[in-house]
Amino acid sequence: MSASIPIEIESAVTTIIVQRPYKNQVQAYENWLQEMVPLAQGSAGHRG
């Protein structure tokens, strides 16, 4: 038997992410971002 947990659809959470890659990893980080940003934009609730 599984219990259901009510979810409030009208609530929101905002997260701020600060990005500071190591100087020698900037290009690798930029390449990773080019892959990740489109995936994030396709996620429900993505706000840009």
Protein backbone atom coordinates (compact mmCIF):
# COMPACT_ATOMS: atom_id res chain seq x y z
CA MET A 1 0.00 0.00 0.00
CA SER A 2 1.50 3.35 -0.95
CA ALA A 3 0.55 6.64 0.62
CA SER A 4 0.12 9.69 -1.55
CA ILE A 5 1.60 12.99 -0.49
CA PRO A 6 -0.31 16.10 -1.56
CA ILE A 7 1.80 18.44 -3.67
CA GLU A 8 1.11 22.17 -3.85
CA ILE A 9 1.47 23.00 -7.52
CA GLU A 10 1.17 26.74 -6.88
CA SER A 11 4.30 26.91 -4.67
CA ALA A 12 7.69 27.81 -6.13
CA VAL A 13 11.33 27.55 -5.16
CA THR A 14 14.08 29.61 -6.79
CA THR A 15 17.73 28.59 -6.64
CA ILE A 16 20.65 30.84 -7.57
CA ILE A 17 23.78 29.09 -8.77
CA VAL A 18 27.13 30.89 -8.82
CA GLN A 19 29.58 29.43 -11.31
CA ARG A 20 33.33 29.87 -10.88
CA PRO A 21 35.32 27.27 -12.83
CA TYR A 22 39.04 26.95 -12.30
CA LYS A 23 41.00 29.13 -14.75
CA ASN A 24 42.41 26.09 -16.53
CA GLN A 25 38.92 24.56 -16.88
CA VAL A 26 36.98 27.48 -18.37
CA GLN A 27 36.77 26.03 -21.89
CA ALA A 28 35.69 22.59 -20.64
CA TYR A 29 33.07 24.29 -18.47
CA GLU A 30 31.76 26.34 -21.41
CA ASN A 31 31.50 23.15 -23.48
CA TRP A 32 29.59 21.44 -20.68
CA LEU A 33 27.21 24.41 -20.40
CA GLN A 34 26.40 24.16 -24.12
CA GLU A 35 25.18 20.62 -23.45
CA MET A 36 23.39 21.30 -20.17
CA VAL A 37 21.51 24.55 -20.91
CA PRO A 38 19.20 23.02 -23.55
CA LEU A 39 18.42 20.13 -21.18
CA ALA A 40 17.61 22.52 -18.34
CA GLN A 41 15.44 24.68 -20.58
CA GLY A 42 13.35 21.62 -21.42
CA SER A 43 12.67 20.84 -17.76
CA ALA A 44 9.33 21.63 -16.18
CA GLY A 45 9.53 24.80 -14.12
CA HIS A 46 12.70 26.15 -15.77
CA ARG A 47 12.68 29.92 -15.48
CA GLY A 48 15.68 30.90 -17.55
